[in-house]
Amino acid sequence: NPAEGRESVLTRVKLRGLNGSNNYGPRAVGLKVGFSGGGRAVLSDSKVCGYDTATEVEGGTLSIADSRLCVFENGVLVQSGEAVVERTRFSRGEIGVVVESGHGRVTNNVFAGLE
């Protein structure tokens, strides 16, 4: 959990789930960001596949760039906070981006094979 004004950076990361959960128990999440006080996480040049929710934001900011999200129900789920998604490919999923509360900025991405 970075202090305010600092950030956590994940580059060239591969997260591979089991293609989602069964219909019971907790939902599988690939990367969850939850900062109080304005923290920031950056995911770049990475791949997150096989989770019910590939990435989830519950406070703070998550920036995703030059990455791939695949085999998911929700690619990016913002429950509070902010998600910034650029130059990322969403494939073989259901819903690319969901913003329930907070902010989302989605630019220059590819959405392919979504249901």
C-alpha atoms as a PDB file:
ATOM      1  CA  ASN A   1       0.000   0.000   0.000  1.00  0.00           C
ATOM      2  CA  PRO A   2       1.938   3.026  -1.197  1.00  0.00           C
ATOM      3  CA  ALA A   3       1.872   6.268   0.724  1.00  0.00           C
ATOM      4  CA  GLU A   4      -0.054   9.127  -0.805  1.00  0.00           C
ATOM      5  CA  GLY A   5       1.698  10.399  -3.914  1.00  0.00           C
ATOM      6  CA  ARG A   6       3.607   7.162  -4.492  1.00  0.00           C
ATOM      7  CA  GLU A   7       2.785   4.254  -6.753  1.00  0.00           C
ATOM      8  CA  SER A   8       3.178   0.505  -7.080  1.00  0.00           C
ATOM      9  CA  VAL A   9       4.328  -0.602 -10.534  1.00  0.00           C
ATOM     10  CA  LEU A  10       3.800  -4.037 -12.074  1.00  0.00           C
ATOM     11  CA  THR A  11       5.450  -4.586 -15.465  1.00  0.00           C
ATOM     12  CA  ARG A  12       5.543  -7.737 -17.621  1.00  0.00           C
ATOM     13  CA  VAL A  13       3.355  -9.662 -15.164  1.00  0.00           C
ATOM     14  CA  LYS A  14       1.365 -12.765 -16.158  1.00  0.00           C
ATOM     15  CA  LEU A  15      -1.567 -13.732 -13.936  1.00  0.00           C
ATOM     16  CA  ARG A  16      -3.390 -16.891 -14.955  1.00  0.00           C
ATOM     17  CA  GLY A  17      -6.547 -18.049 -13.178  1.00  0.00           C
ATOM     18  CA  LEU A  18      -8.627 -21.182 -13.560  1.00  0.00           C
ATOM     19  CA  ASN A  19     -11.059 -19.598 -16.056  1.00  0.00           C
ATOM     20  CA  GLY A  20     -13.380 -18.305 -13.344  1.00  0.00           C
ATOM     21  CA  SER A  21     -14.972 -19.814 -10.265  1.00  0.00           C
ATOM     22  CA  ASN A  22     -17.841 -22.158  -9.786  1.00  0.00           C
ATOM     23  CA  ASN A  23     -21.179 -20.598  -8.934  1.00  0.00           C
ATOM     24  CA  TYR A  24     -20.463 -20.589  -5.197  1.00  0.00           C
ATOM     25  CA  GLY A  25     -17.919 -19.079  -2.847  1.00  0.00           C
ATOM     26  CA  PRO A  26     -15.849 -15.947  -3.400  1.00  0.00           C
ATOM     27  CA  ARG A  27     -15.339 -14.601  -6.894  1.00  0.00           C
ATOM     28  CA  ALA A  28     -11.877 -15.007  -8.424  1.00  0.00           C
ATOM     29  CA  VAL A  29     -10.080 -11.668  -8.961  1.00  0.00           C
ATOM     30  CA  GLY A  30      -6.775 -11.385 -10.809  1.00  0.00           C
ATOM     31  CA  LEU A  31      -5.568  -8.005  -9.504  1.00  0.00           C
ATOM     32  CA  LYS A  32      -7.390  -5.993  -6.844  1.00  0.00           C
ATOM     33  CA  VAL A  33      -6.417  -2.422  -5.968  1.00  0.00           C
ATOM     34  CA  GLY A  34      -7.790  -0.893  -2.786  1.00  0.00           C
ATOM     35  CA  PHE A  35      -6.084   2.215  -1.435  1.00  0.00           C
ATOM     36  CA  SER A  36      -7.332   4.690   1.067  1.00  0.00           C
ATOM     37  CA  GLY A  37      -5.748   8.096   0.843  1.00  0.00           C
ATOM     38  CA  GLY A  38      -5.083   8.186  -2.890  1.00  0.00           C
ATOM     39  CA  GLY A  39      -2.607   5.419  -3.724  1.00  0.00           C
ATOM     40  CA  ARG A  40      -1.891   4.425  -7.317  1.00  0.00           C
ATOM     41  CA  ALA A  41      -1.006   1.141  -9.033  1.00  0.00           C
ATOM     42  CA  VAL A  42       0.278   0.810 -12.600  1.00  0.00           C
ATOM     43  CA  LEU A  43      -0.022  -2.391 -14.653  1.00  0.00           C
ATOM     44  CA  SER A  44       1.824  -2.351 -17.963  1.00  0.00           C
ATOM     45  CA  ASP A  45       2.893  -4.798 -20.653  1.00  0.00           C
ATOM     46  CA  SER A  46       1.078  -7.566 -18.753  1.00  0.00           C
ATOM     47  CA  LYS A  47      -1.509 -10.320 -19.176  1.00  0.00           C
ATOM     48  CA  VAL A  48      -4.374 -11.164 -16.784  1.00  0.00           C
ATOM     49  CA  CYS A  49      -6.543 -14.087 -17.898  1.00  0.00           C
ATOM     50  CA  GLY A  50      -8.941 -16.636 -16.454  1.00  0.00           C
ATOM     51  CA  TYR A  51     -10.583 -14.773 -13.569  1.00  0.00           C
ATOM     52  CA  ASP A  52     -14.208 -13.812 -12.893  1.00  0.00           C
ATOM     53  CA  THR A  53     -12.921 -10.234 -12.625  1.00  0.00           C
ATOM     54  CA  ALA A  54      -9.537  -9.563 -14.233  1.00  0.00           C
ATOM     55  CA  THR A  55      -8.936  -6.282 -12.360  1.00  0.00           C
ATOM     56  CA  GLU A  56     -10.902  -4.533  -9.611  1.00  0.00           C
ATOM     57  CA  VAL A  57     -10.559  -1.065  -8.080  1.00  0.00           C
ATOM     58  CA  GLU A  58     -11.908  -0.283  -4.597  1.00  0.00           C
ATOM     59  CA  GLY A  59     -10.204   3.030  -3.911  1.00  0.00           C
ATOM     60  CA  GLY A  60      -7.196   4.803  -5.373  1.00  0.00           C
ATOM     61  CA  THR A  61      -6.223   4.656  -9.026  1.00  0.00           C
ATOM     62  CA  LEU A  62      -5.349   1.742 -11.302  1.00  0.00           C
ATOM     63  CA  SER A  63      -3.678   2.558 -14.625  1.00  0.00           C
ATOM     64  CA  ILE A  64      -3.479  -0.226 -17.205  1.00  0.00           C
ATOM     65  CA  ALA A  65      -1.500   0.203 -20.427  1.00  0.00           C
ATOM     66  CA  ASP A  66      -0.214  -2.023 -23.230  1.00  0.00           C
ATOM     67  CA  SER A  67      -1.705  -5.124 -21.624  1.00  0.00           C
ATOM     68  CA  ARG A  68      -4.107  -7.976 -22.353  1.00  0.00           C
ATOM     69  CA  LEU A  69      -7.149  -9.048 -20.328  1.00  0.00           C
ATOM     70  CA  CYS A  70      -8.871 -12.271 -21.389  1.00  0.00           C
ATOM     71  CA  VAL A  71     -11.330 -14.973 -20.296  1.00  0.00           C
ATOM     72  CA  PHE A  72     -13.325 -12.946 -17.728  1.00  0.00           C
ATOM     73  CA  GLU A  73     -16.804 -11.841 -16.688  1.00  0.00           C
ATOM     74  CA  ASN A  74     -15.586  -8.282 -15.973  1.00  0.00           C
ATOM     75  CA  GLY A  75     -12.317  -7.039 -17.427  1.00  0.00           C
ATOM     76  CA  VAL A  76     -12.095  -3.895 -15.290  1.00  0.00           C
ATOM     77  CA  LEU A  77     -14.498  -3.352 -12.378  1.00  0.00           C
ATOM     78  CA  VAL A  78     -14.421   0.037 -10.627  1.00  0.00           C
ATOM     79  CA  GLN A  79     -16.367   0.039  -7.369  1.00  0.00           C
ATOM     80  CA  SER A  80     -14.788   3.264  -6.141  1.00  0.00           C
ATOM     81  CA  GLY A  81     -11.721   5.178  -7.202  1.00  0.00           C
ATOM     82  CA  GLU A  82     -10.490   5.465 -10.770  1.00  0.00           C
ATOM     83  CA  ALA A  83      -9.334   3.266 -13.637  1.00  0.00           C
ATOM     84  CA  VAL A  84      -7.349   4.555 -16.607  1.00  0.00           C
ATOM     85  CA  VAL A  85      -7.071   1.991 -19.425  1.00  0.00           C
ATOM     86  CA  GLU A  86      -5.017   2.622 -22.588  1.00  0.00           C
ATOM     87  CA  ARG A  87      -3.761   0.495 -25.474  1.00  0.00           C
ATOM     88  CA  THR A  88      -5.079  -2.709 -23.897  1.00  0.00           C
ATOM     89  CA  ARG A  89      -6.760  -5.698 -25.561  1.00  0.00           C
ATOM     90  CA  PHE A  90      -9.885  -7.233 -24.022  1.00  0.00           C
ATOM     91  CA  SER A  91     -10.763 -10.655 -25.440  1.00  0.00           C
ATOM     92  CA  ARG A  92     -12.904 -13.732 -24.782  1.00  0.00           C
ATOM     93  CA  GLY A  93     -14.856 -12.103 -21.968  1.00  0.00           C
ATOM     94  CA  GLU A  94     -18.311 -10.838 -21.158  1.00  0.00           C
ATOM     95  CA  ILE A  95     -18.106  -7.167 -20.085  1.00  0.00           C
ATOM     96  CA  GLY A  96     -14.997  -5.099 -20.781  1.00  0.00           C
ATOM     97  CA  VAL A  97     -15.339  -2.230 -18.288  1.00  0.00           C
ATOM     98  CA  VAL A  98     -17.854  -1.636 -15.477  1.00  0.00           C
ATOM     99  CA  VAL A  99     -17.813   1.606 -13.459  1.00  0.00           C
ATOM    100  CA  GLU A 100     -20.222   1.265 -10.540  1.00  0.00           C
ATOM    101  CA  SER A 101     -18.940   4.252  -8.602  1.00  0.00           C
ATOM    102  CA  GLY A 102     -15.915   6.405  -9.267  1.00  0.00           C
ATOM    103  CA  HIS A 103     -14.353   7.271 -12.613  1.00  0.00           C
ATOM    104  CA  GLY A 104     -13.131   5.454 -15.685  1.00  0.00           C
ATOM    105  CA  ARG A 105     -11.102   6.664 -18.660  1.00  0.00           C
ATOM    106  CA  VAL A 106     -10.843   4.140 -21.486  1.00  0.00           C
ATOM    107  CA  THR A 107      -8.950   5.171 -24.645  1.00  0.00           C
ATOM    108  CA  ASN A 108      -7.341   3.451 -27.642  1.00  0.00           C
ATOM    109  CA  ASN A 109      -8.227  -0.122 -26.655  1.00  0.00           C
ATOM    110  CA  VAL A 110      -9.362  -3.215 -28.564  1.00  0.00           C
ATOM    111  CA  PHE A 111     -12.470  -5.154 -27.496  1.00  0.00           C
ATOM    112  CA  ALA A 112     -12.657  -8.480 -29.362  1.00  0.00           C
ATOM    113  CA  GLY A 113     -14.808 -11.542 -28.834  1.00  0.00           C
ATOM    114  CA  LEU A 114     -16.842 -10.157 -25.937  1.00  0.00           C
ATOM    115  CA  GLU A 115     -20.281 -11.641 -25.280  1.00  0.00           C
END
